[in-house]
Amino acid sequence: MNEFDTVQIIALLGWLILAGGALASYRLSWKEGLRMGFIWAVIFATVFLVFSILR
């Protein structure tokens, strides 16, 4: 792991905190928040798989 990997991990954690704050601003219940998070995870996983298959 070099210094660029460390910077990338810190930046990704920052984006995760920013996204979590935006999601928390909707004041959803735990059930709705987990449901929305799962839906987004499925969307990103699908896009990742499509691009990896096309490559």
PDB file of N, CA and C in Angstrom:
ATOM      1  N   MET A   1       0.844  -1.166   0.000  1.00  0.00           N
ATOM      2  CA  MET A   1       0.000   0.000   0.000  1.00  0.00           C
ATOM      3  C   MET A   1       0.897   1.240   0.000  1.00  0.00           C
ATOM      4  N   ASN A   2       0.662   2.135  -0.939  1.00  0.00           N
ATOM      5  CA  ASN A   2       1.468   3.344  -1.006  1.00  0.00           C
ATOM      6  C   ASN A   2       0.647   4.545  -0.536  1.00  0.00           C
ATOM      7  N   GLU A   3       1.237   5.742  -0.646  1.00  0.00           N
ATOM      8  CA  GLU A   3       0.557   6.940  -0.144  1.00  0.00           C
ATOM      9  C   GLU A   3      -0.703   7.271  -0.943  1.00  0.00           C
ATOM     10  N   PHE A   4      -0.758   6.868  -2.193  1.00  0.00           N
ATOM     11  CA  PHE A   4      -1.938   7.141  -2.999  1.00  0.00           C
ATOM     12  C   PHE A   4      -3.123   6.282  -2.568  1.00  0.00           C
ATOM     13  N   ASP A   5      -2.859   5.063  -2.147  1.00  0.00           N
ATOM     14  CA  ASP A   5      -3.927   4.195  -1.639  1.00  0.00           C
ATOM     15  C   ASP A   5      -4.526   4.770  -0.359  1.00  0.00           C
ATOM     16  N   THR A   6      -3.682   5.317   0.489  1.00  0.00           N
ATOM     17  CA  THR A   6      -4.163   5.912   1.736  1.00  0.00           C
ATOM     18  C   THR A   6      -5.069   7.105   1.449  1.00  0.00           C
ATOM     19  N   VAL A   7      -4.657   7.955   0.528  1.00  0.00           N
ATOM     20  CA  VAL A   7      -5.467   9.123   0.156  1.00  0.00           C
ATOM     21  C   VAL A   7      -6.791   8.668  -0.447  1.00  0.00           C
ATOM     22  N   GLN A   8      -6.769   7.644  -1.264  1.00  0.00           N
ATOM     23  CA  GLN A   8      -7.991   7.150  -1.882  1.00  0.00           C
ATOM     24  C   GLN A   8      -8.951   6.591  -0.826  1.00  0.00           C
ATOM     25  N   ILE A   9      -8.436   5.860   0.145  1.00  0.00           N
ATOM     26  CA  ILE A   9      -9.283   5.309   1.208  1.00  0.00           C
ATOM     27  C   ILE A   9      -9.905   6.436   2.028  1.00  0.00           C
ATOM     28  N   ILE A  10      -9.130   7.453   2.350  1.00  0.00           N
ATOM     29  CA  ILE A  10      -9.656   8.580   3.123  1.00  0.00           C
ATOM     30  C   ILE A  10     -10.727   9.323   2.329  1.00  0.00           C
ATOM     31  N   ALA A  11     -10.496   9.515   1.031  1.00  0.00           N
ATOM     32  CA  ALA A  11     -11.491  10.186   0.196  1.00  0.00           C
ATOM     33  C   ALA A  11     -12.772   9.362   0.100  1.00  0.00           C
ATOM     34  N   LEU A  12     -12.645   8.056  -0.057  1.00  0.00           N
ATOM     35  CA  LEU A  12     -13.833   7.206  -0.126  1.00  0.00           C
ATOM     36  C   LEU A  12     -14.616   7.221   1.181  1.00  0.00           C
ATOM     37  N   LEU A  13     -13.911   7.230   2.305  1.00  0.00           N
ATOM     38  CA  LEU A  13     -14.592   7.336   3.597  1.00  0.00           C
ATOM     39  C   LEU A  13     -15.311   8.680   3.731  1.00  0.00           C
ATOM     40  N   GLY A  14     -14.697   9.732   3.231  1.00  0.00           N
ATOM     41  CA  GLY A  14     -15.351  11.046   3.238  1.00  0.00           C
ATOM     42  C   GLY A  14     -16.627  11.056   2.417  1.00  0.00           C
ATOM     43  N   TRP A  15     -16.578  10.452   1.232  1.00  0.00           N
ATOM     44  CA  TRP A  15     -17.778  10.369   0.397  1.00  0.00           C
ATOM     45  C   TRP A  15     -18.863   9.523   1.060  1.00  0.00           C
ATOM     46  N   LEU A  16     -18.441   8.461   1.752  1.00  0.00           N
ATOM     47  CA  LEU A  16     -19.399   7.612   2.461  1.00  0.00           C
ATOM     48  C   LEU A  16     -20.082   8.380   3.592  1.00  0.00           C
ATOM     49  N   ILE A  17     -19.322   9.166   4.311  1.00  0.00           N
ATOM     50  CA  ILE A  17     -19.896   9.986   5.379  1.00  0.00           C
ATOM     51  C   ILE A  17     -20.846  11.030   4.793  1.00  0.00           C
ATOM     52  N   LEU A  18     -20.473  11.635   3.687  1.00  0.00           N
ATOM     53  CA  LEU A  18     -21.331  12.615   3.026  1.00  0.00           C
ATOM     54  C   LEU A  18     -22.636  11.985   2.558  1.00  0.00           C
ATOM     55  N   ALA A  19     -22.556  10.808   1.958  1.00  0.00           N
ATOM     56  CA  ALA A  19     -23.759  10.110   1.503  1.00  0.00           C
ATOM     57  C   ALA A  19     -24.621   9.688   2.688  1.00  0.00           C
ATOM     58  N   GLY A  20     -23.997   9.243   3.764  1.00  0.00           N
ATOM     59  CA  GLY A  20     -24.751   8.864   4.962  1.00  0.00           C
ATOM     60  C   GLY A  20     -25.478  10.052   5.564  1.00  0.00           C
ATOM     61  N   GLY A  21     -24.836  11.207   5.573  1.00  0.00           N
ATOM     62  CA  GLY A  21     -25.483  12.425   6.070  1.00  0.00           C
ATOM     63  C   GLY A  21     -26.663  12.837   5.208  1.00  0.00           C
ATOM     64  N   ALA A  22     -26.506  12.698   3.898  1.00  0.00           N
ATOM     65  CA  ALA A  22     -27.613  13.029   3.004  1.00  0.00           C
ATOM     66  C   ALA A  22     -28.783  12.071   3.215  1.00  0.00           C
ATOM     67  N   LEU A  23     -28.488  10.803   3.409  1.00  0.00           N
ATOM     68  CA  LEU A  23     -29.555   9.825   3.656  1.00  0.00           C
ATOM     69  C   LEU A  23     -30.217  10.079   5.005  1.00  0.00           C
ATOM     70  N   ALA A  24     -29.428  10.455   6.008  1.00  0.00           N
ATOM     71  CA  ALA A  24     -29.985  10.724   7.336  1.00  0.00           C
ATOM     72  C   ALA A  24     -30.890  11.955   7.331  1.00  0.00           C
ATOM     73  N   SER A  25     -30.670  12.874   6.397  1.00  0.00           N
ATOM     74  CA  SER A  25     -31.495  14.081   6.346  1.00  0.00           C
ATOM     75  C   SER A  25     -32.941  13.773   5.958  1.00  0.00           C
ATOM     76  N   TYR A  26     -33.180  12.614   5.365  1.00  0.00           N
ATOM     77  CA  TYR A  26     -34.547  12.226   5.011  1.00  0.00           C
ATOM     78  C   TYR A  26     -35.326  11.720   6.223  1.00  0.00           C
ATOM     79  N   ARG A  27     -34.625  11.431   7.329  1.00  0.00           N
ATOM     80  CA  ARG A  27     -35.232  10.955   8.577  1.00  0.00           C
ATOM     81  C   ARG A  27     -36.150   9.745   8.341  1.00  0.00           C
ATOM     82  N   LEU A  28     -35.605   8.779   7.656  1.00  0.00           N
ATOM     83  CA  LEU A  28     -36.345   7.552   7.385  1.00  0.00           C
ATOM     84  C   LEU A  28     -36.272   6.624   8.589  1.00  0.00           C
ATOM     85  N   SER A  29     -37.202   5.705   8.664  1.00  0.00           N
ATOM     86  CA  SER A  29     -37.114   4.675   9.687  1.00  0.00           C
ATOM     87  C   SER A  29     -35.981   3.722   9.308  1.00  0.00           C
ATOM     88  N   TRP A  30     -35.549   2.884  10.259  1.00  0.00           N
ATOM     89  CA  TRP A  30     -34.470   1.940   9.972  1.00  0.00           C
ATOM     90  C   TRP A  30     -34.847   1.008   8.841  1.00  0.00           C
ATOM     91  N   LYS A  31     -36.094   0.583   8.818  1.00  0.00           N
ATOM     92  CA  LYS A  31     -36.537  -0.343   7.783  1.00  0.00           C
ATOM     93  C   LYS A  31     -36.452   0.301   6.400  1.00  0.00           C
ATOM     94  N   GLU A  32     -36.952   1.520   6.288  1.00  0.00           N
ATOM     95  CA  GLU A  32     -36.909   2.209   4.996  1.00  0.00           C
ATOM     96  C   GLU A  32     -35.471   2.554   4.591  1.00  0.00           C
ATOM     97  N   GLY A  33     -34.650   2.949   5.552  1.00  0.00           N
ATOM     98  CA  GLY A  33     -33.259   3.272   5.248  1.00  0.00           C
ATOM     99  C   GLY A  33     -32.483   2.062   4.752  1.00  0.00           C
ATOM    100  N   LEU A  34     -32.665   0.925   5.410  1.00  0.00           N
ATOM    101  CA  LEU A  34     -31.995  -0.301   4.967  1.00  0.00           C
ATOM    102  C   LEU A  34     -32.502  -0.744   3.601  1.00  0.00           C
ATOM    103  N   ARG A  35     -33.796  -0.578   3.389  1.00  0.00           N
ATOM    104  CA  ARG A  35     -34.376  -0.949   2.093  1.00  0.00           C
ATOM    105  C   ARG A  35     -33.782  -0.094   0.976  1.00  0.00           C
ATOM    106  N   MET A  36     -33.701   1.226   1.212  1.00  0.00           N
ATOM    107  CA  MET A  36     -33.141   2.122   0.203  1.00  0.00           C
ATOM    108  C   MET A  36     -31.658   1.820  -0.032  1.00  0.00           C
ATOM    109  N   GLY A  37     -30.921   1.549   1.046  1.00  0.00           N
ATOM    110  CA  GLY A  37     -29.511   1.200   0.908  1.00  0.00           C
ATOM    111  C   GLY A  37     -29.315  -0.082   0.125  1.00  0.00           C
ATOM    112  N   PHE A  38     -30.172  -1.065   0.371  1.00  0.00           N
ATOM    113  CA  PHE A  38     -30.090  -2.325  -0.364  1.00  0.00           C
ATOM    114  C   PHE A  38     -30.389  -2.118  -1.846  1.00  0.00           C
ATOM    115  N   ILE A  39     -31.383  -1.295  -2.142  1.00  0.00           N
ATOM    116  CA  ILE A  39     -31.722  -1.023  -3.545  1.00  0.00           C
ATOM    117  C   ILE A  39     -30.540  -0.376  -4.258  1.00  0.00           C
ATOM    118  N   TRP A  40     -29.894   0.614  -3.615  1.00  0.00           N
ATOM    119  CA  TRP A  40     -28.741   1.260  -4.234  1.00  0.00           C
ATOM    120  C   TRP A  40     -27.568   0.294  -4.392  1.00  0.00           C
ATOM    121  N   ALA A  41     -27.366  -0.583  -3.421  1.00  0.00           N
ATOM    122  CA  ALA A  41     -26.290  -1.573  -3.525  1.00  0.00           C
ATOM    123  C   ALA A  41     -26.531  -2.505  -4.709  1.00  0.00           C
ATOM    124  N   VAL A  42     -27.776  -2.909  -4.915  1.00  0.00           N
ATOM    125  CA  VAL A  42     -28.108  -3.773  -6.051  1.00  0.00           C
ATOM    126  C   VAL A  42     -27.883  -3.036  -7.369  1.00  0.00           C
ATOM    127  N   ILE A  43     -28.257  -1.760  -7.419  1.00  0.00           N
ATOM    128  CA  ILE A  43     -28.051  -0.973  -8.643  1.00  0.00           C
ATOM    129  C   ILE A  43     -26.562  -0.882  -8.972  1.00  0.00           C
ATOM    130  N   PHE A  44     -25.745  -0.528  -7.992  1.00  0.00           N
ATOM    131  CA  PHE A  44     -24.302  -0.400  -8.243  1.00  0.00           C
ATOM    132  C   PHE A  44     -23.663  -1.741  -8.580  1.00  0.00           C
ATOM    133  N   ALA A  45     -24.099  -2.812  -7.919  1.00  0.00           N
ATOM    134  CA  ALA A  45     -23.551  -4.136  -8.222  1.00  0.00           C
ATOM    135  C   ALA A  45     -23.912  -4.552  -9.641  1.00  0.00           C
ATOM    136  N   THR A  46     -25.132  -4.246 -10.058  1.00  0.00           N
ATOM    137  CA  THR A  46     -25.554  -4.585 -11.420  1.00  0.00           C
ATOM    138  C   THR A  46     -24.733  -3.828 -12.457  1.00  0.00           C
ATOM    139  N   VAL A  47     -24.536  -2.541 -12.237  1.00  0.00           N
ATOM    140  CA  VAL A  47     -23.735  -1.744 -13.176  1.00  0.00           C
ATOM    141  C   VAL A  47     -22.296  -2.261 -13.208  1.00  0.00           C
ATOM    142  N   PHE A  48     -21.743  -2.594 -12.038  1.00  0.00           N
ATOM    143  CA  PHE A  48     -20.388  -3.131 -11.979  1.00  0.00           C
ATOM    144  C   PHE A  48     -20.291  -4.436 -12.767  1.00  0.00           C
ATOM    145  N   LEU A  49     -21.259  -5.322 -12.583  1.00  0.00           N
ATOM    146  CA  LEU A  49     -21.233  -6.604 -13.293  1.00  0.00           C
ATOM    147  C   LEU A  49     -21.375  -6.423 -14.797  1.00  0.00           C
ATOM    148  N   VAL A  50     -22.241  -5.501 -15.226  1.00  0.00           N
ATOM    149  CA  VAL A  50     -22.416  -5.266 -16.655  1.00  0.00           C
ATOM    150  C   VAL A  50     -21.105  -4.771 -17.271  1.00  0.00           C
ATOM    151  N   PHE A  51     -20.465  -3.807 -16.598  1.00  0.00           N
ATOM    152  CA  PHE A  51     -19.204  -3.302 -17.142  1.00  0.00           C
ATOM    153  C   PHE A  51     -18.095  -4.338 -17.114  1.00  0.00           C
ATOM    154  N   SER A  52     -18.077  -5.191 -16.097  1.00  0.00           N
ATOM    155  CA  SER A  52     -17.034  -6.215 -16.044  1.00  0.00           C
ATOM    156  C   SER A  52     -17.264  -7.293 -17.105  1.00  0.00           C
ATOM    157  N   ILE A  53     -18.513  -7.570 -17.424  1.00  0.00           N
ATOM    158  CA  ILE A  53     -18.808  -8.552 -18.477  1.00  0.00           C
ATOM    159  C   ILE A  53     -18.453  -7.969 -19.851  1.00  0.00           C
ATOM    160  N   LEU A  54     -18.768  -6.687 -20.074  1.00  0.00           N
ATOM    161  CA  LEU A  54     -18.492  -6.054 -21.363  1.00  0.00           C
ATOM    162  C   LEU A  54     -17.005  -5.843 -21.592  1.00  0.00           C
ATOM    163  N   ARG A  55     -16.228  -5.782 -20.550  1.00  0.00           N
ATOM    164  CA  ARG A  55     -14.795  -5.570 -20.689  1.00  0.00           C
ATOM    165  C   ARG A  55     -14.159  -6.830 -21.074  1.00  0.00           C
TER     166      ARG A  55
END
